Amino acid sequence: MIEAKIIDEIKQEAHAMIMNASPYRTGNLSLSFEIVEYDDGFGIMTECPYMVYTNEEWVNRDGKINPNQHWFDLVVMLIAEMIAQRLGGVVHVVK
């Protein structure tokens, strides 16, 4: 069984990773992420209504693409790799 201390460290590191990677303009998105406890683990969630748009591909009226597109996908993969490394596992990506 994994020690509670290690799980707490992983949760805090994952939380910091997502806060640090999130696009920052006002700080609202970055500060909105919370750790949610489940019986079989944890999740990191936000109720920020525009979060999904920060990750999507889009082009504005001036032809500029979203400079933050896919940031969330990338940080989730980095978190999965961090957890796997800490626990001696591997990450399998299924497409």
PDB file of N, CA and C in Angstrom:
ATOM      1  N   MET A   1       0.847  -1.194   0.000  1.00  0.00           N
ATOM      2  CA  MET A   1       0.000   0.000   0.000  1.00  0.00           C
ATOM      3  C   MET A   1       0.885   1.247   0.000  1.00  0.00           C
ATOM      4  N   ILE A   2       0.419   2.253  -0.681  1.00  0.00           N
ATOM      5  CA  ILE A   2       1.161   3.511  -0.797  1.00  0.00           C
ATOM      6  C   ILE A   2       0.926   4.343   0.457  1.00  0.00           C
ATOM      7  N   GLU A   3       1.988   4.886   0.997  1.00  0.00           N
ATOM      8  CA  GLU A   3       1.883   5.704   2.205  1.00  0.00           C
ATOM      9  C   GLU A   3       1.075   6.973   1.930  1.00  0.00           C
ATOM     10  N   ALA A   4       0.301   7.371   2.911  1.00  0.00           N
ATOM     11  CA  ALA A   4      -0.523   8.578   2.795  1.00  0.00           C
ATOM     12  C   ALA A   4       0.343   9.810   2.528  1.00  0.00           C
ATOM     13  N   LYS A   5       1.536   9.848   3.095  1.00  0.00           N
ATOM     14  CA  LYS A   5       2.433  10.986   2.900  1.00  0.00           C
ATOM     15  C   LYS A   5       2.808  11.127   1.425  1.00  0.00           C
ATOM     16  N   ILE A   6       3.077  10.000   0.765  1.00  0.00           N
ATOM     17  CA  ILE A   6       3.445  10.036  -0.646  1.00  0.00           C
ATOM     18  C   ILE A   6       2.269  10.513  -1.495  1.00  0.00           C
ATOM     19  N   ILE A   7       1.073  10.028  -1.182  1.00  0.00           N
ATOM     20  CA  ILE A   7      -0.125  10.469  -1.911  1.00  0.00           C
ATOM     21  C   ILE A   7      -0.337  11.964  -1.726  1.00  0.00           C
ATOM     22  N   ASP A   8      -0.177  12.454  -0.509  1.00  0.00           N
ATOM     23  CA  ASP A   8      -0.335  13.893  -0.258  1.00  0.00           C
ATOM     24  C   ASP A   8       0.687  14.713  -1.049  1.00  0.00           C
ATOM     25  N   GLU A   9       1.934  14.234  -1.103  1.00  0.00           N
ATOM     26  CA  GLU A   9       2.961  14.929  -1.870  1.00  0.00           C
ATOM     27  C   GLU A   9       2.607  14.951  -3.359  1.00  0.00           C
ATOM     28  N   ILE A  10       2.125  13.825  -3.875  1.00  0.00           N
ATOM     29  CA  ILE A  10       1.731  13.748  -5.288  1.00  0.00           C
ATOM     30  C   ILE A  10       0.585  14.706  -5.570  1.00  0.00           C
ATOM     31  N   LYS A  11      -0.412  14.740  -4.690  1.00  0.00           N
ATOM     32  CA  LYS A  11      -1.553  15.650  -4.885  1.00  0.00           C
ATOM     33  C   LYS A  11      -1.089  17.103  -4.922  1.00  0.00           C
ATOM     34  N   GLN A  12      -0.227  17.471  -3.984  1.00  0.00           N
ATOM     35  CA  GLN A  12       0.234  18.852  -3.930  1.00  0.00           C
ATOM     36  C   GLN A  12       1.073  19.207  -5.148  1.00  0.00           C
ATOM     37  N   GLU A  13       1.912  18.274  -5.600  1.00  0.00           N
ATOM     38  CA  GLU A  13       2.739  18.531  -6.780  1.00  0.00           C
ATOM     39  C   GLU A  13       1.868  18.660  -8.031  1.00  0.00           C
ATOM     40  N   ALA A  14       0.880  17.779  -8.173  1.00  0.00           N
ATOM     41  CA  ALA A  14      -0.029  17.836  -9.318  1.00  0.00           C
ATOM     42  C   ALA A  14      -0.810  19.146  -9.318  1.00  0.00           C
ATOM     43  N   HIS A  15      -1.274  19.554  -8.149  1.00  0.00           N
ATOM     44  CA  HIS A  15      -2.018  20.811  -8.022  1.00  0.00           C
ATOM     45  C   HIS A  15      -1.140  21.990  -8.427  1.00  0.00           C
ATOM     46  N   ALA A  16       0.094  22.010  -7.963  1.00  0.00           N
ATOM     47  CA  ALA A  16       1.016  23.097  -8.309  1.00  0.00           C
ATOM     48  C   ALA A  16       1.320  23.098  -9.809  1.00  0.00           C
ATOM     49  N   MET A  17       1.475  21.909 -10.393  1.00  0.00           N
ATOM     50  CA  MET A  17       1.776  21.820 -11.827  1.00  0.00           C
ATOM     51  C   MET A  17       0.654  22.425 -12.663  1.00  0.00           C
ATOM     52  N   ILE A  18      -0.584  22.113 -12.308  1.00  0.00           N
ATOM     53  CA  ILE A  18      -1.706  22.622 -13.106  1.00  0.00           C
ATOM     54  C   ILE A  18      -1.909  24.117 -12.876  1.00  0.00           C
ATOM     55  N   MET A  19      -1.698  24.579 -11.657  1.00  0.00           N
ATOM     56  CA  MET A  19      -1.815  26.012 -11.392  1.00  0.00           C
ATOM     57  C   MET A  19      -0.739  26.790 -12.152  1.00  0.00           C
ATOM     58  N   ASN A  20       0.480  26.260 -12.165  1.00  0.00           N
ATOM     59  CA  ASN A  20       1.585  26.946 -12.834  1.00  0.00           C
ATOM     60  C   ASN A  20       1.464  26.919 -14.352  1.00  0.00           C
ATOM     61  N   ALA A  21       0.843  25.884 -14.893  1.00  0.00           N
ATOM     62  CA  ALA A  21       0.723  25.754 -16.346  1.00  0.00           C
ATOM     63  C   ALA A  21      -0.475  26.504 -16.920  1.00  0.00           C
ATOM     64  N   SER A  22      -1.440  26.844 -16.086  1.00  0.00           N
ATOM     65  CA  SER A  22      -2.661  27.460 -16.605  1.00  0.00           C
ATOM     66  C   SER A  22      -2.381  28.869 -17.131  1.00  0.00           C
ATOM     67  N   PRO A  23      -3.081  29.230 -18.211  1.00  0.00           N
ATOM     68  CA  PRO A  23      -2.927  30.587 -18.752  1.00  0.00           C
ATOM     69  C   PRO A  23      -3.250  31.616 -17.663  1.00  0.00           C
ATOM     70  N   TYR A  24      -2.473  32.675 -17.626  1.00  0.00           N
ATOM     71  CA  TYR A  24      -2.628  33.650 -16.549  1.00  0.00           C
ATOM     72  C   TYR A  24      -2.865  35.035 -17.119  1.00  0.00           C
ATOM     73  N   ARG A  25      -4.016  35.545 -16.800  1.00  0.00           N
ATOM     74  CA  ARG A  25      -4.312  36.931 -17.169  1.00  0.00           C
ATOM     75  C   ARG A  25      -4.723  37.672 -15.908  1.00  0.00           C
ATOM     76  N   THR A  26      -5.767  37.177 -15.266  1.00  0.00           N
ATOM     77  CA  THR A  26      -6.241  37.780 -14.018  1.00  0.00           C
ATOM     78  C   THR A  26      -5.914  36.916 -12.810  1.00  0.00           C
ATOM     79  N   GLY A  27      -5.553  35.655 -13.048  1.00  0.00           N
ATOM     80  CA  GLY A  27      -5.289  34.730 -11.954  1.00  0.00           C
ATOM     81  C   GLY A  27      -6.505  33.915 -11.561  1.00  0.00           C
ATOM     82  N   ASN A  28      -7.677  34.266 -12.101  1.00  0.00           N
ATOM     83  CA  ASN A  28      -8.909  33.581 -11.736  1.00  0.00           C
ATOM     84  C   ASN A  28      -8.850  32.089 -12.066  1.00  0.00           C
ATOM     85  N   LEU A  29      -8.400  31.736 -13.265  1.00  0.00           N
ATOM     86  CA  LEU A  29      -8.329  30.330 -13.661  1.00  0.00           C
ATOM     87  C   LEU A  29      -7.315  29.582 -12.803  1.00  0.00           C
ATOM     88  N   SER A  30      -6.140  30.130 -12.679  1.00  0.00           N
ATOM     89  CA  SER A  30      -5.080  29.480 -11.906  1.00  0.00           C
ATOM     90  C   SER A  30      -5.509  29.200 -10.472  1.00  0.00           C
ATOM     91  N   LEU A  31      -6.181  30.147  -9.874  1.00  0.00           N
ATOM     92  CA  LEU A  31      -6.588  30.004  -8.476  1.00  0.00           C
ATOM     93  C   LEU A  31      -7.866  29.183  -8.296  1.00  0.00           C
ATOM     94  N   SER A  32      -8.508  28.804  -9.394  1.00  0.00           N
ATOM     95  CA  SER A  32      -9.784  28.092  -9.297  1.00  0.00           C
ATOM     96  C   SER A  32      -9.634  26.574  -9.154  1.00  0.00           C
ATOM     97  N   PHE A  33      -8.448  26.033  -9.398  1.00  0.00           N
ATOM     98  CA  PHE A  33      -8.269  24.585  -9.343  1.00  0.00           C
ATOM     99  C   PHE A  33      -8.259  24.088  -7.905  1.00  0.00           C
ATOM    100  N   GLU A  34      -8.999  23.006  -7.681  1.00  0.00           N
ATOM    101  CA  GLU A  34      -9.091  22.417  -6.342  1.00  0.00           C
ATOM    102  C   GLU A  34      -8.876  20.914  -6.423  1.00  0.00           C
ATOM    103  N   ILE A  35      -8.310  20.358  -5.354  1.00  0.00           N
ATOM    104  CA  ILE A  35      -8.164  18.910  -5.240  1.00  0.00           C
ATOM    105  C   ILE A  35      -9.473  18.345  -4.713  1.00  0.00           C
ATOM    106  N   VAL A  36      -9.969  17.304  -5.380  1.00  0.00           N
ATOM    107  CA  VAL A  36     -11.206  16.642  -4.967  1.00  0.00           C
ATOM    108  C   VAL A  36     -10.851  15.203  -4.600  1.00  0.00           C
ATOM    109  N   GLU A  37     -11.252  14.794  -3.412  1.00  0.00           N
ATOM    110  CA  GLU A  37     -10.954  13.446  -2.923  1.00  0.00           C
ATOM    111  C   GLU A  37     -12.037  12.469  -3.357  1.00  0.00           C
ATOM    112  N   TYR A  38     -11.612  11.285  -3.804  1.00  0.00           N
ATOM    113  CA  TYR A  38     -12.518  10.193  -4.148  1.00  0.00           C
ATOM    114  C   TYR A  38     -12.114   8.971  -3.333  1.00  0.00           C
ATOM    115  N   ASP A  39     -12.985   7.991  -3.243  1.00  0.00           N
ATOM    116  CA  ASP A  39     -12.662   6.778  -2.499  1.00  0.00           C
ATOM    117  C   ASP A  39     -11.431   6.076  -3.053  1.00  0.00           C
ATOM    118  N   ASP A  40     -11.246   6.142  -4.364  1.00  0.00           N
ATOM    119  CA  ASP A  40     -10.135   5.426  -4.988  1.00  0.00           C
ATOM    120  C   ASP A  40      -9.043   6.347  -5.529  1.00  0.00           C
ATOM    121  N   GLY A  41      -8.996   7.590  -5.074  1.00  0.00           N
ATOM    122  CA  GLY A  41      -7.956   8.500  -5.532  1.00  0.00           C
ATOM    123  C   GLY A  41      -8.354   9.949  -5.386  1.00  0.00           C
ATOM    124  N   PHE A  42      -7.901  10.763  -6.326  1.00  0.00           N
ATOM    125  CA  PHE A  42      -8.204  12.190  -6.278  1.00  0.00           C
ATOM    126  C   PHE A  42      -8.297  12.736  -7.694  1.00  0.00           C
ATOM    127  N   GLY A  43      -8.853  13.908  -7.791  1.00  0.00           N
ATOM    128  CA  GLY A  43      -8.928  14.623  -9.060  1.00  0.00           C
ATOM    129  C   GLY A  43      -8.644  16.090  -8.811  1.00  0.00           C
ATOM    130  N   ILE A  44      -8.377  16.804  -9.867  1.00  0.00           N
ATOM    131  CA  ILE A  44      -8.199  18.249  -9.778  1.00  0.00           C
ATOM    132  C   ILE A  44      -9.242  18.853 -10.695  1.00  0.00           C
ATOM    133  N   MET A  45     -10.072  19.718 -10.142  1.00  0.00           N
ATOM    134  CA  MET A  45     -11.152  20.271 -10.958  1.00  0.00           C
ATOM    135  C   MET A  45     -11.259  21.773 -10.804  1.00  0.00           C
ATOM    136  N   THR A  46     -12.007  22.341 -11.721  1.00  0.00           N
ATOM    137  CA  THR A  46     -12.303  23.769 -11.675  1.00  0.00           C
ATOM    138  C   THR A  46     -13.740  23.964 -12.133  1.00  0.00           C
ATOM    139  N   GLU A  47     -14.359  24.985 -11.627  1.00  0.00           N
ATOM    140  CA  GLU A  47     -15.690  25.360 -12.091  1.00  0.00           C
ATOM    141  C   GLU A  47     -15.625  26.656 -12.891  1.00  0.00           C
ATOM    142  N   CYS A  48     -14.431  27.024 -13.301  1.00  0.00           N
ATOM    143  CA  CYS A  48     -14.232  28.232 -14.090  1.00  0.00           C
ATOM    144  C   CYS A  48     -14.905  28.034 -15.451  1.00  0.00           C
ATOM    145  N   PRO A  49     -15.916  28.832 -15.775  1.00  0.00           N
ATOM    146  CA  PRO A  49     -16.717  28.586 -16.974  1.00  0.00           C
ATOM    147  C   PRO A  49     -15.958  28.698 -18.298  1.00  0.00           C
ATOM    148  N   TYR A  50     -14.898  29.456 -18.346  1.00  0.00           N
ATOM    149  CA  TYR A  50     -14.192  29.632 -19.617  1.00  0.00           C
ATOM    150  C   TYR A  50     -12.957  28.751 -19.758  1.00  0.00           C
ATOM    151  N   MET A  51     -12.709  27.888 -18.775  1.00  0.00           N
ATOM    152  CA  MET A  51     -11.516  27.053 -18.812  1.00  0.00           C
ATOM    153  C   MET A  51     -11.422  26.255 -20.101  1.00  0.00           C
ATOM    154  N   VAL A  52     -12.516  25.654 -20.528  1.00  0.00           N
ATOM    155  CA  VAL A  52     -12.503  24.809 -21.723  1.00  0.00           C
ATOM    156  C   VAL A  52     -12.024  25.585 -22.952  1.00  0.00           C
ATOM    157  N   TYR A  53     -12.350  26.857 -23.041  1.00  0.00           N
ATOM    158  CA  TYR A  53     -11.958  27.659 -24.200  1.00  0.00           C
ATOM    159  C   TYR A  53     -10.462  27.974 -24.213  1.00  0.00           C
ATOM    160  N   THR A  54      -9.818  27.935 -23.048  1.00  0.00           N
ATOM    161  CA  THR A  54      -8.377  28.193 -23.010  1.00  0.00           C
ATOM    162  C   THR A  54      -7.594  27.032 -23.599  1.00  0.00           C
ATOM    163  N   ASN A  55      -8.191  25.856 -23.659  1.00  0.00           N
ATOM    164  CA  ASN A  55      -7.513  24.651 -24.137  1.00  0.00           C
ATOM    165  C   ASN A  55      -7.822  24.353 -25.604  1.00  0.00           C
ATOM    166  N   GLU A  56      -8.935  24.858 -26.104  1.00  0.00           N
ATOM    167  CA  GLU A  56      -9.397  24.540 -27.453  1.00  0.00           C
ATOM    168  C   GLU A  56      -8.581  25.224 -28.539  1.00  0.00           C
ATOM    169  N   GLU A  57      -8.690  24.643 -29.729  1.00  0.00           N
ATOM    170  CA  GLU A  57      -8.134  25.302 -30.913  1.00  0.00           C
ATOM    171  C   GLU A  57      -9.156  26.315 -31.407  1.00  0.00           C
ATOM    172  N   TRP A  58      -8.714  27.524 -31.639  1.00  0.00           N
ATOM    173  CA  TRP A  58      -9.572  28.531 -32.243  1.00  0.00           C
ATOM    174  C   TRP A  58      -8.710  29.592 -32.911  1.00  0.00           C
ATOM    175  N   VAL A  59      -9.331  30.329 -33.809  1.00  0.00           N
ATOM    176  CA  VAL A  59      -8.673  31.431 -34.506  1.00  0.00           C
ATOM    177  C   VAL A  59      -9.560  32.651 -34.318  1.00  0.00           C
ATOM    178  N   ASN A  60      -8.970  33.755 -33.874  1.00  0.00           N
ATOM    179  CA  ASN A  60      -9.787  34.951 -33.672  1.00  0.00           C
ATOM    180  C   ASN A  60      -9.994  35.704 -34.984  1.00  0.00           C
ATOM    181  N   ARG A  61     -10.691  36.798 -34.904  1.00  0.00           N
ATOM    182  CA  ARG A  61     -11.034  37.571 -36.114  1.00  0.00           C
ATOM    183  C   ARG A  61      -9.801  38.090 -36.853  1.00  0.00           C
ATOM    184  N   ASP A  62      -8.716  38.281 -36.115  1.00  0.00           N
ATOM    185  CA  ASP A  62      -7.484  38.780 -36.737  1.00  0.00           C
ATOM    186  C   ASP A  62      -6.623  37.654 -37.303  1.00  0.00           C
ATOM    187  N   GLY A  63      -7.111  36.419 -37.207  1.00  0.00           N
ATOM    188  CA  GLY A  63      -6.366  35.276 -37.738  1.00  0.00           C
ATOM    189  C   GLY A  63      -5.347  34.687 -36.780  1.00  0.00           C
ATOM    190  N   LYS A  64      -5.348  35.149 -35.523  1.00  0.00           N
ATOM    191  CA  LYS A  64      -4.404  34.621 -34.539  1.00  0.00           C
ATOM    192  C   LYS A  64      -4.982  33.371 -33.892  1.00  0.00           C
ATOM    193  N   ILE A  65      -4.120  32.355 -33.721  1.00  0.00           N
ATOM    194  CA  ILE A  65      -4.583  31.124 -33.072  1.00  0.00           C
ATOM    195  C   ILE A  65      -4.486  31.267 -31.555  1.00  0.00           C
ATOM    196  N   ASN A  66      -5.205  30.432 -30.859  1.00  0.00           N
ATOM    197  CA  ASN A  66      -5.180  30.404 -29.399  1.00  0.00           C
ATOM    198  C   ASN A  66      -3.749  30.100 -28.947  1.00  0.00           C
ATOM    199  N   PRO A  67      -3.089  31.022 -28.261  1.00  0.00           N
ATOM    200  CA  PRO A  67      -1.712  30.773 -27.842  1.00  0.00           C
ATOM    201  C   PRO A  67      -1.602  29.711 -26.744  1.00  0.00           C
ATOM    202  N   ASN A  68      -2.716  29.380 -26.135  1.00  0.00           N
ATOM    203  CA  ASN A  68      -2.711  28.416 -25.030  1.00  0.00           C
ATOM    204  C   ASN A  68      -3.264  27.053 -25.416  1.00  0.00           C
ATOM    205  N   GLN A  69      -3.628  26.867 -26.684  1.00  0.00           N
ATOM    206  CA  GLN A  69      -4.324  25.634 -27.051  1.00  0.00           C
ATOM    207  C   GLN A  69      -3.545  24.403 -26.606  1.00  0.00           C
ATOM    208  N   HIS A  70      -4.294  23.468 -26.076  1.00  0.00           N
ATOM    209  CA  HIS A  70      -3.795  22.169 -25.605  1.00  0.00           C
ATOM    210  C   HIS A  70      -2.942  22.244 -24.334  1.00  0.00           C
ATOM    211  N   TRP A  71      -2.916  23.375 -23.645  1.00  0.00           N
ATOM    212  CA  TRP A  71      -2.109  23.463 -22.437  1.00  0.00           C
ATOM    213  C   TRP A  71      -2.567  22.439 -21.409  1.00  0.00           C
ATOM    214  N   PHE A  72      -3.884  22.257 -21.285  1.00  0.00           N
ATOM    215  CA  PHE A  72      -4.419  21.337 -20.282  1.00  0.00           C
ATOM    216  C   PHE A  72      -4.062  19.895 -20.628  1.00  0.00           C
ATOM    217  N   ASP A  73      -4.187  19.532 -21.903  1.00  0.00           N
ATOM    218  CA  ASP A  73      -3.832  18.178 -22.339  1.00  0.00           C
ATOM    219  C   ASP A  73      -2.373  17.869 -21.998  1.00  0.00           C
ATOM    220  N   LEU A  74      -1.504  18.846 -22.246  1.00  0.00           N
ATOM    221  CA  LEU A  74      -0.080  18.668 -21.985  1.00  0.00           C
ATOM    222  C   LEU A  74       0.191  18.497 -20.490  1.00  0.00           C
ATOM    223  N   VAL A  75      -0.386  19.361 -19.664  1.00  0.00           N
ATOM    224  CA  VAL A  75      -0.091  19.285 -18.232  1.00  0.00           C
ATOM    225  C   VAL A  75      -0.676  18.015 -17.612  1.00  0.00           C
ATOM    226  N   VAL A  76      -1.805  17.538 -18.115  1.00  0.00           N
ATOM    227  CA  VAL A  76      -2.363  16.278 -17.616  1.00  0.00           C
ATOM    228  C   VAL A  76      -1.408  15.129 -17.920  1.00  0.00           C
ATOM    229  N   MET A  77      -0.810  15.129 -19.104  1.00  0.00           N
ATOM    230  CA  MET A  77       0.167  14.092 -19.442  1.00  0.00           C
ATOM    231  C   MET A  77       1.402  14.199 -18.549  1.00  0.00           C
ATOM    232  N   LEU A  78       1.858  15.407 -18.293  1.00  0.00           N
ATOM    233  CA  LEU A  78       3.006  15.595 -17.409  1.00  0.00           C
ATOM    234  C   LEU A  78       2.701  15.124 -15.989  1.00  0.00           C
ATOM    235  N   ILE A  79       1.493  15.376 -15.523  1.00  0.00           N
ATOM    236  CA  ILE A  79       1.087  14.914 -14.192  1.00  0.00           C
ATOM    237  C   ILE A  79       1.050  13.390 -14.159  1.00  0.00           C
ATOM    238  N   ALA A  80       0.490  12.772 -15.195  1.00  0.00           N
ATOM    239  CA  ALA A  80       0.445  11.307 -15.251  1.00  0.00           C
ATOM    240  C   ALA A  80       1.853  10.725 -15.229  1.00  0.00           C
ATOM    241  N   GLU A  81       2.779  11.342 -15.979  1.00  0.00           N
ATOM    242  CA  GLU A  81       4.161  10.872 -15.997  1.00  0.00           C
ATOM    243  C   GLU A  81       4.835  11.057 -14.645  1.00  0.00           C
ATOM    244  N   MET A  82       4.544  12.161 -13.966  1.00  0.00           N
ATOM    245  CA  MET A  82       5.108  12.405 -12.638  1.00  0.00           C
ATOM    246  C   MET A  82       4.625  11.337 -11.660  1.00  0.00           C
ATOM    247  N   ILE A  83       3.330  11.038 -11.703  1.00  0.00           N
ATOM    248  CA  ILE A  83       2.758  10.028 -10.801  1.00  0.00           C
ATOM    249  C   ILE A  83       3.367   8.661 -11.104  1.00  0.00           C
ATOM    250  N   ALA A  84       3.463   8.313 -12.369  1.00  0.00           N
ATOM    251  CA  ALA A  84       4.053   7.029 -12.750  1.00  0.00           C
ATOM    252  C   ALA A  84       5.493   6.924 -12.271  1.00  0.00           C
ATOM    253  N   GLN A  85       6.251   7.986 -12.429  1.00  0.00           N
ATOM    254  CA  GLN A  85       7.647   7.977 -11.995  1.00  0.00           C
ATOM    255  C   GLN A  85       7.744   7.823 -10.477  1.00  0.00           C
ATOM    256  N   ARG A  86       6.929   8.558  -9.755  1.00  0.00           N
ATOM    257  CA  ARG A  86       6.972   8.494  -8.285  1.00  0.00           C
ATOM    258  C   ARG A  86       6.578   7.117  -7.753  1.00  0.00           C
ATOM    259  N   LEU A  87       5.646   6.445  -8.465  1.00  0.00           N
ATOM    260  CA  LEU A  87       5.133   5.163  -7.984  1.00  0.00           C
ATOM    261  C   LEU A  87       5.737   3.961  -8.710  1.00  0.00           C
ATOM    262  N   GLY A  88       6.659   4.222  -9.632  1.00  0.00           N
ATOM    263  CA  GLY A  88       7.311   3.138 -10.339  1.00  0.00           C
ATOM    264  C   GLY A  88       6.458   2.494 -11.410  1.00  0.00           C
ATOM    265  N   GLY A  89       5.567   3.276 -12.019  1.00  0.00           N
ATOM    266  CA  GLY A  89       4.682   2.750 -13.060  1.00  0.00           C
ATOM    267  C   GLY A  89       5.022   3.314 -14.419  1.00  0.00           C
ATOM    268  N   VAL A  90       4.134   3.093 -15.353  1.00  0.00           N
ATOM    269  CA  VAL A  90       4.296   3.611 -16.705  1.00  0.00           C
ATOM    270  C   VAL A  90       2.963   4.220 -17.156  1.00  0.00           C
ATOM    271  N   VAL A  91       3.036   5.097 -18.121  1.00  0.00           N
ATOM    272  CA  VAL A  91       1.841   5.717 -18.688  1.00  0.00           C
ATOM    273  C   VAL A  91       1.603   5.097 -20.067  1.00  0.00           C
ATOM    274  N   HIS A  92       0.416   4.601 -20.287  1.00  0.00           N
ATOM    275  CA  HIS A  92       0.017   4.083 -21.592  1.00  0.00           C
ATOM    276  C   HIS A  92      -1.026   5.033 -22.173  1.00  0.00           C
ATOM    277  N   VAL A  93      -0.763   5.537 -23.345  1.00  0.00           N
ATOM    278  CA  VAL A  93      -1.694   6.453 -24.009  1.00  0.00           C
ATOM    279  C   VAL A  93      -2.521   5.641 -24.986  1.00  0.00           C
ATOM    280  N   VAL A  94      -3.835   5.705 -24.832  1.00  0.00           N
ATOM    281  CA  VAL A  94      -4.746   5.012 -25.715  1.00  0.00           C
ATOM    282  C   VAL A  94      -5.461   6.058 -26.552  1.00  0.00           C
ATOM    283  N   LYS A  95      -5.398   5.897 -27.856  1.00  0.00           N
ATOM    284  CA  LYS A  95      -6.050   6.887 -28.735  1.00  0.00           C
ATOM    285  C   LYS A  95      -7.222   6.279 -29.426  1.00  0.00           C
TER     286      LYS A  95
END
